PDB file of all heavy atoms in Angstrom:
ATOM      1  N   ASN A   1      84.349 -49.204  54.338  1.00  0.00           N
ATOM      2  CA  ASN A   1      83.118 -49.912  53.972  1.00  0.00           C
ATOM      3  C   ASN A   1      82.809 -49.768  52.488  1.00  0.00           C
ATOM      4  O   ASN A   1      82.118 -50.640  51.933  1.00  0.00           O
ATOM      5  CB  ASN A   1      81.980 -49.419  54.843  1.00  0.00           C
ATOM      6  CG  ASN A   1      82.009 -50.026  56.230  1.00  0.00           C
ATOM      7  OD1 ASN A   1      82.309 -51.222  56.377  1.00  0.00           O
ATOM      8  ND2 ASN A   1      81.651 -49.259  57.245  1.00  0.00           N
ATOM      9  N   VAL A   2      83.251 -48.692  51.883  1.00  0.00           N
ATOM     10  CA  VAL A   2      83.141 -48.601  50.418  1.00  0.00           C
ATOM     11  C   VAL A   2      83.986 -49.685  49.757  1.00  0.00           C
ATOM     12  O   VAL A   2      83.534 -50.353  48.799  1.00  0.00           O
ATOM     13  CB  VAL A   2      83.581 -47.198  49.938  1.00  0.00           C
ATOM     14  CG1 VAL A   2      83.718 -47.158  48.427  1.00  0.00           C
ATOM     15  CG2 VAL A   2      82.522 -46.135  50.369  1.00  0.00           C
ATOM     16  N   ILE A   3      85.184 -49.873  50.274  1.00  0.00           N
ATOM     17  CA  ILE A   3      86.045 -50.925  49.725  1.00  0.00           C
ATOM     18  C   ILE A   3      85.430 -52.291  49.926  1.00  0.00           C
ATOM     19  O   ILE A   3      85.355 -53.130  49.034  1.00  0.00           O
ATOM     20  CB  ILE A   3      87.447 -50.882  50.393  1.00  0.00           C
ATOM     21  CG1 ILE A   3      88.139 -49.542  50.095  1.00  0.00           C
ATOM     22  CG2 ILE A   3      88.323 -52.059  49.970  1.00  0.00           C
ATOM     23  CD1 ILE A   3      89.378 -49.252  50.938  1.00  0.00           C
ATOM     24  N   ASN A   4      84.894 -52.553  51.166  1.00  0.00           N
ATOM     25  CA  ASN A   4      84.236 -53.828  51.431  1.00  0.00           C
ATOM     26  C   ASN A   4      83.056 -54.027  50.487  1.00  0.00           C
ATOM     27  O   ASN A   4      82.813 -55.162  50.021  1.00  0.00           O
ATOM     28  CB  ASN A   4      83.752 -53.856  52.871  1.00  0.00           C
ATOM     29  CG  ASN A   4      84.857 -53.803  53.915  1.00  0.00           C
ATOM     30  OD1 ASN A   4      86.004 -54.165  53.600  1.00  0.00           O
ATOM     31  ND2 ASN A   4      84.551 -53.372  55.106  1.00  0.00           N
ATOM     32  N   SER A   5      82.303 -52.959  50.228  1.00  0.00           N
ATOM     33  CA  SER A   5      81.154 -53.065  49.351  1.00  0.00           C
ATOM     34  C   SER A   5      81.567 -53.385  47.885  1.00  0.00           C
ATOM     35  O   SER A   5      80.897 -54.105  47.203  1.00  0.00           O
ATOM     36  CB  SER A   5      80.365 -51.759  49.338  1.00  0.00           C
ATOM     37  OG  SER A   5      79.893 -51.451  50.636  1.00  0.00           O
ATOM     38  N   SER A   6      82.701 -52.837  47.514  1.00  0.00           N
ATOM     39  CA  SER A   6      83.156 -53.080  46.125  1.00  0.00           C
ATOM     40  C   SER A   6      83.475 -54.543  45.904  1.00  0.00           C
ATOM     41  O   SER A   6      83.254 -55.074  44.788  1.00  0.00           O
ATOM     42  CB  SER A   6      84.403 -52.238  45.824  1.00  0.00           C
ATOM     43  OG  SER A   6      85.530 -52.636  46.565  1.00  0.00           O
ATOM     44  N   PHE A   7      83.945 -55.245  46.908  1.00  0.00           N
ATOM     45  CA  PHE A   7      84.193 -56.683  46.785  1.00  0.00           C
ATOM     46  C   PHE A   7      82.884 -57.408  46.450  1.00  0.00           C
ATOM     47  O   PHE A   7      82.874 -58.330  45.616  1.00  0.00           O
ATOM     48  CB  PHE A   7      84.796 -57.282  48.074  1.00  0.00           C
ATOM     49  CG  PHE A   7      86.072 -56.701  48.487  1.00  0.00           C
ATOM     50  CD1 PHE A   7      86.332 -56.403  49.814  1.00  0.00           C
ATOM     51  CD2 PHE A   7      87.102 -56.461  47.552  1.00  0.00           C
ATOM     52  CE1 PHE A   7      87.562 -55.904  50.216  1.00  0.00           C
ATOM     53  CE2 PHE A   7      88.334 -55.966  47.930  1.00  0.00           C
ATOM     54  CZ  PHE A   7      88.585 -55.659  49.299  1.00  0.00           C
ATOM     55  N   SER A   8      81.797 -57.039  47.095  1.00  0.00           N
ATOM     56  CA  SER A   8      80.516 -57.695  46.855  1.00  0.00           C
ATOM     57  C   SER A   8      79.988 -57.425  45.456  1.00  0.00           C
ATOM     58  O   SER A   8      79.387 -58.279  44.811  1.00  0.00           O
ATOM     59  CB  SER A   8      79.505 -57.286  47.888  1.00  0.00           C
ATOM     60  OG  SER A   8      79.146 -55.912  47.789  1.00  0.00           O
ATOM     61  N   VAL A   9      80.284 -56.206  44.923  1.00  0.00           N
ATOM     62  CA  VAL A   9      79.902 -55.887  43.550  1.00  0.00           C
ATOM     63  C   VAL A   9      80.593 -56.808  42.586  1.00  0.00           C
ATOM     64  O   VAL A   9      79.992 -57.380  41.653  1.00  0.00           O
ATOM     65  CB  VAL A   9      80.183 -54.420  43.213  1.00  0.00           C
ATOM     66  CG1 VAL A   9      79.953 -54.122  41.741  1.00  0.00           C
ATOM     67  CG2 VAL A   9      79.376 -53.453  44.082  1.00  0.00           C
ATOM     68  N   VAL A  10      81.905 -56.952  42.771  1.00  0.00           N
ATOM     69  CA  VAL A  10      82.680 -57.779  41.839  1.00  0.00           C
ATOM     70  C   VAL A  10      82.287 -59.247  41.924  1.00  0.00           C
ATOM     71  O   VAL A  10      82.142 -59.883  40.849  1.00  0.00           O
ATOM     72  CB  VAL A  10      84.207 -57.621  42.162  1.00  0.00           C
ATOM     73  CG1 VAL A  10      85.036 -58.516  41.200  1.00  0.00           C
ATOM     74  CG2 VAL A  10      84.612 -56.170  41.960  1.00  0.00           C
ATOM     75  N   ILE A  11      82.030 -59.780  43.111  1.00  0.00           N
ATOM     76  CA  ILE A  11      81.569 -61.160  43.250  1.00  0.00           C
ATOM     77  C   ILE A  11      80.251 -61.340  42.518  1.00  0.00           C
ATOM     78  O   ILE A  11      80.024 -62.334  41.787  1.00  0.00           O
ATOM     79  CB  ILE A  11      81.418 -61.560  44.724  1.00  0.00           C
ATOM     80  CG1 ILE A  11      82.768 -61.923  45.320  1.00  0.00           C
ATOM     81  CG2 ILE A  11      80.485 -62.709  44.864  1.00  0.00           C
ATOM     82  CD1 ILE A  11      83.331 -63.275  44.894  1.00  0.00           C
ATOM     83  N   GLY A  12      79.346 -60.367  42.680  1.00  0.00           N
ATOM     84  CA  GLY A  12      78.088 -60.414  41.975  1.00  0.00           C
ATOM     85  C   GLY A  12      78.246 -60.476  40.471  1.00  0.00           C
ATOM     86  O   GLY A  12      77.633 -61.246  39.751  1.00  0.00           O
ATOM     87  N   LYS A  13      79.166 -59.684  39.955  1.00  0.00           N
ATOM     88  CA  LYS A  13      79.425 -59.668  38.494  1.00  0.00           C
ATOM     89  C   LYS A  13      80.032 -60.993  38.049  1.00  0.00           C
ATOM     90  O   LYS A  13      79.697 -61.540  36.988  1.00  0.00           O
ATOM     91  CB  LYS A  13      80.340 -58.489  38.122  1.00  0.00           C
ATOM     92  CG  LYS A  13      79.672 -57.138  38.227  1.00  0.00           C
ATOM     93  CD  LYS A  13      80.618 -56.021  37.819  1.00  0.00           C
ATOM     94  CE  LYS A  13      79.905 -54.681  37.849  1.00  0.00           C
ATOM     95  NZ  LYS A  13      78.884 -54.579  36.791  1.00  0.00           N
ATOM     96  N   LEU A  14      80.952 -61.548  38.842  1.00  0.00           N
ATOM     97  CA  LEU A  14      81.550 -62.846  38.487  1.00  0.00           C
ATOM     98  C   LEU A  14      80.501 -63.936  38.395  1.00  0.00           C
ATOM     99  O   LEU A  14      80.604 -64.878  37.628  1.00  0.00           O
ATOM    100  CB  LEU A  14      82.599 -63.225  39.510  1.00  0.00           C
ATOM    101  CG  LEU A  14      83.943 -62.454  39.486  1.00  0.00           C
ATOM    102  CD1 LEU A  14      84.842 -62.956  40.610  1.00  0.00           C
ATOM    103  CD2 LEU A  14      84.635 -62.574  38.147  1.00  0.00           C
ATOM    104  N   LEU A  15      79.451 -63.773  39.202  1.00  0.00           N
ATOM    105  CA  LEU A  15      78.390 -64.768  39.239  1.00  0.00           C
ATOM    106  C   LEU A  15      77.211 -64.443  38.336  1.00  0.00           C
ATOM    107  O   LEU A  15      76.137 -65.037  38.434  1.00  0.00           O
ATOM    108  CB  LEU A  15      77.903 -64.996  40.673  1.00  0.00           C
ATOM    109  CG  LEU A  15      78.909 -65.756  41.551  1.00  0.00           C
ATOM    110  CD1 LEU A  15      78.593 -65.626  43.020  1.00  0.00           C
ATOM    111  CD2 LEU A  15      78.952 -67.193  41.170  1.00  0.00           C
ATOM    112  N   GLY A  16      77.401 -63.459  37.440  1.00  0.00           N
ATOM    113  CA  GLY A  16      76.435 -63.188  36.373  1.00  0.00           C
ATOM    114  C   GLY A  16      75.298 -62.292  36.786  1.00  0.00           C
ATOM    115  O   GLY A  16      74.247 -62.253  36.075  1.00  0.00           O
ATOM    116  N   MET A  17      75.398 -61.570  37.889  1.00  0.00           N
ATOM    117  CA  MET A  17      74.328 -60.693  38.325  1.00  0.00           C
ATOM    118  C   MET A  17      74.410 -59.369  37.545  1.00  0.00           C
ATOM    119  O   MET A  17      75.471 -58.915  37.139  1.00  0.00           O
ATOM    120  CB  MET A  17      74.422 -60.400  39.810  1.00  0.00           C
ATOM    121  CG  MET A  17      74.205 -61.690  40.662  1.00  0.00           C
ATOM    122  SD  MET A  17      74.315 -61.313  42.434  1.00  0.00           S
ATOM    123  CE  MET A  17      72.830 -60.323  42.689  1.00  0.00           C
ATOM    124  N   ASN A  18      73.228 -58.732  37.339  1.00  0.00           N
ATOM    125  CA  ASN A  18      73.190 -57.469  36.645  1.00  0.00           C
ATOM    126  C   ASN A  18      73.258 -56.296  37.615  1.00  0.00           C
ATOM    127  O   ASN A  18      73.205 -56.492  38.840  1.00  0.00           O
ATOM    128  CB  ASN A  18      71.944 -57.350  35.747  1.00  0.00           C
ATOM    129  CG  ASN A  18      70.632 -57.408  36.513  1.00  0.00           C
ATOM    130  OD1 ASN A  18      70.511 -56.845  37.588  1.00  0.00           O
ATOM    131  ND2 ASN A  18      69.643 -58.154  35.971  1.00  0.00           N
ATOM    132  N   TYR A  19      73.398 -55.111  37.091  1.00  0.00           N
ATOM    133  CA  TYR A  19      73.602 -53.890  37.872  1.00  0.00           C
ATOM    134  C   TYR A  19      72.441 -53.668  38.832  1.00  0.00           C
ATOM    135  O   TYR A  19      72.673 -53.368  40.047  1.00  0.00           O
ATOM    136  CB  TYR A  19      73.730 -52.677  36.943  1.00  0.00           C
ATOM    137  CG  TYR A  19      73.763 -51.353  37.665  1.00  0.00           C
ATOM    138  CD1 TYR A  19      74.801 -50.973  38.484  1.00  0.00           C
ATOM    139  CD2 TYR A  19      72.680 -50.458  37.501  1.00  0.00           C
ATOM    140  CE1 TYR A  19      74.817 -49.746  39.104  1.00  0.00           C
ATOM    141  CE2 TYR A  19      72.654 -49.224  38.147  1.00  0.00           C
ATOM    142  CZ  TYR A  19      73.741 -48.872  38.961  1.00  0.00           C
ATOM    143  OH  TYR A  19      73.736 -47.658  39.610  1.00  0.00           O
ATOM    144  N   SER A  20      71.211 -53.803  38.412  1.00  0.00           N
ATOM    145  CA  SER A  20      70.061 -53.503  39.307  1.00  0.00           C
ATOM    146  C   SER A  20      69.988 -54.497  40.463  1.00  0.00           C
ATOM    147  O   SER A  20      69.648 -54.102  41.596  1.00  0.00           O
ATOM    148  CB  SER A  20      68.782 -53.531  38.501  1.00  0.00           C
ATOM    149  OG  SER A  20      68.546 -54.760  37.921  1.00  0.00           O
ATOM    150  N   GLU A  21      70.336 -55.764  40.225  1.00  0.00           N
ATOM    151  CA  GLU A  21      70.311 -56.758  41.285  1.00  0.00           C
ATOM    152  C   GLU A  21      71.367 -56.414  42.340  1.00  0.00           C
ATOM    153  O   GLU A  21      71.098 -56.491  43.521  1.00  0.00           O
ATOM    154  CB  GLU A  21      70.577 -58.165  40.683  1.00  0.00           C
ATOM    155  CG  GLU A  21      69.426 -58.711  39.867  1.00  0.00           C
ATOM    156  CD  GLU A  21      69.808 -59.956  39.080  1.00  0.00           C
ATOM    157  OE1 GLU A  21      71.029 -60.137  38.761  1.00  0.00           O
ATOM    158  OE2 GLU A  21      68.915 -60.735  38.773  1.00  0.00           O
ATOM    159  N   ILE A  22      72.545 -56.096  41.846  1.00  0.00           N
ATOM    160  CA  ILE A  22      73.660 -55.779  42.793  1.00  0.00           C
ATOM    161  C   ILE A  22      73.340 -54.520  43.589  1.00  0.00           C
ATOM    162  O   ILE A  22      73.539 -54.464  44.810  1.00  0.00           O
ATOM    163  CB  ILE A  22      74.999 -55.643  42.026  1.00  0.00           C
ATOM    164  CG1 ILE A  22      75.380 -56.959  41.365  1.00  0.00           C
ATOM    165  CG2 ILE A  22      76.112 -55.124  42.920  1.00  0.00           C
ATOM    166  CD1 ILE A  22      76.514 -56.884  40.385  1.00  0.00           C
ATOM    167  N   LYS A  23      72.870 -53.501  42.874  1.00  0.00           N
ATOM    168  CA  LYS A  23      72.523 -52.246  43.527  1.00  0.00           C
ATOM    169  C   LYS A  23      71.488 -52.442  44.620  1.00  0.00           C
ATOM    170  O   LYS A  23      71.606 -51.917  45.723  1.00  0.00           O
ATOM    171  CB  LYS A  23      72.027 -51.242  42.501  1.00  0.00           C
ATOM    172  CG  LYS A  23      71.777 -49.820  43.029  1.00  0.00           C
ATOM    173  CD  LYS A  23      71.327 -48.894  41.924  1.00  0.00           C
ATOM    174  CE  LYS A  23      71.103 -47.493  42.481  1.00  0.00           C
ATOM    175  NZ  LYS A  23      70.673 -46.576  41.376  1.00  0.00           N
ATOM    176  N   LYS A  24      70.451 -53.209  44.328  1.00  0.00           N
ATOM    177  CA  LYS A  24      69.387 -53.461  45.290  1.00  0.00           C
ATOM    178  C   LYS A  24      69.921 -54.212  46.503  1.00  0.00           C
ATOM    179  O   LYS A  24      69.576 -53.892  47.649  1.00  0.00           O
ATOM    180  CB  LYS A  24      68.248 -54.272  44.623  1.00  0.00           C
ATOM    181  CG  LYS A  24      67.098 -54.562  45.519  1.00  0.00           C
ATOM    182  CD  LYS A  24      66.001 -55.365  44.788  1.00  0.00           C
ATOM    183  CE  LYS A  24      64.865 -55.712  45.734  1.00  0.00           C
ATOM    184  NZ  LYS A  24      63.870 -56.610  45.044  1.00  0.00           N
ATOM    185  N   GLY A  25      70.774 -55.192  46.255  1.00  0.00           N
ATOM    186  CA  GLY A  25      71.349 -55.976  47.348  1.00  0.00           C
ATOM    187  C   GLY A  25      72.187 -55.093  48.278  1.00  0.00           C
ATOM    188  O   GLY A  25      72.084 -55.236  49.522  1.00  0.00           O
ATOM    189  N   LEU A  26      72.976 -54.211  47.720  1.00  0.00           N
ATOM    190  CA  LEU A  26      73.793 -53.332  48.566  1.00  0.00           C
ATOM    191  C   LEU A  26      72.946 -52.369  49.415  1.00  0.00           C
ATOM    192  O   LEU A  26      73.224 -52.128  50.574  1.00  0.00           O
ATOM    193  CB  LEU A  26      74.745 -52.478  47.701  1.00  0.00           C
ATOM    194  CG  LEU A  26      76.071 -53.111  47.304  1.00  0.00           C
ATOM    195  CD1 LEU A  26      76.886 -52.113  46.464  1.00  0.00           C
ATOM    196  CD2 LEU A  26      76.863 -53.564  48.507  1.00  0.00           C
ATOM    197  N   GLN A  27      71.905 -51.842  48.828  1.00  0.00           N
ATOM    198  CA  GLN A  27      71.057 -50.893  49.527  1.00  0.00           C
ATOM    199  C   GLN A  27      70.332 -51.511  50.732  1.00  0.00           C
ATOM    200  O   GLN A  27      69.999 -50.820  51.685  1.00  0.00           O
ATOM    201  CB  GLN A  27      70.017 -50.298  48.567  1.00  0.00           C
ATOM    202  CG  GLN A  27      70.619 -49.309  47.553  1.00  0.00           C
ATOM    203  CD  GLN A  27      69.631 -48.831  46.514  1.00  0.00           C
ATOM    204  OE1 GLN A  27      68.688 -49.527  46.150  1.00  0.00           O
ATOM    205  NE2 GLN A  27      69.846 -47.638  46.017  1.00  0.00           N
ATOM    206  N   SER A  28      70.068 -52.803  50.653  1.00  0.00           N
ATOM    207  CA  SER A  28      69.322 -53.472  51.715  1.00  0.00           C
ATOM    208  C   SER A  28      70.218 -54.233  52.695  1.00  0.00           C
ATOM    209  O   SER A  28      69.728 -55.018  53.546  1.00  0.00           O
ATOM    210  CB  SER A  28      68.300 -54.465  51.113  1.00  0.00           C
ATOM    211  OG  SER A  28      68.960 -55.478  50.358  1.00  0.00           O
ATOM    212  N   ALA A  29      71.514 -54.010  52.605  1.00  0.00           N
ATOM    213  CA  ALA A  29      72.445 -54.789  53.481  1.00  0.00           C
ATOM    214  C   ALA A  29      72.225 -54.538  54.940  1.00  0.00           C
ATOM    215  O   ALA A  29      72.025 -53.387  55.382  1.00  0.00           O
ATOM    216  CB  ALA A  29      73.895 -54.409  53.088  1.00  0.00           C
ATOM    217  N   GLU A  30      72.301 -55.579  55.742  1.00  0.00           N
ATOM    218  CA  GLU A  30      72.223 -55.540  57.176  1.00  0.00           C
ATOM    219  C   GLU A  30      73.557 -56.061  57.729  1.00  0.00           C
ATOM    220  O   GLU A  30      73.935 -57.180  57.441  1.00  0.00           O
ATOM    221  CB  GLU A  30      71.062 -56.386  57.711  1.00  0.00           C
ATOM    222  CG  GLU A  30      69.693 -55.830  57.299  1.00  0.00           C
ATOM    223  CD  GLU A  30      68.581 -56.659  57.903  1.00  0.00           C
ATOM    224  OE1 GLU A  30      68.854 -57.541  58.713  1.00  0.00           O
ATOM    225  OE2 GLU A  30      67.408 -56.366  57.561  1.00  0.00           O
ATOM    226  N   ILE A  31      74.215 -55.246  58.506  1.00  0.00           N
ATOM    227  CA  ILE A  31      75.554 -55.563  58.990  1.00  0.00           C
ATOM    228  C   ILE A  31      75.516 -56.114  60.420  1.00  0.00           C
ATOM    229  O   ILE A  31      74.695 -55.687  61.225  1.00  0.00           O
ATOM    230  CB  ILE A  31      76.451 -54.310  58.957  1.00  0.00           C
ATOM    231  CG1 ILE A  31      76.437 -53.711  57.511  1.00  0.00           C
ATOM    232  CG2 ILE A  31      77.864 -54.617  59.382  1.00  0.00           C
ATOM    233  CD1 ILE A  31      76.920 -54.655  56.445  1.00  0.00           C
TER     234      ILE A  31
END
């Protein structure tokens, strides 16, 4: 799940998101 999460971080960066936005999104994830 760490690996799965890392994919979402990279996609966020590719789409111009900043660190705080990505971090907040990961913390609130519902699976």
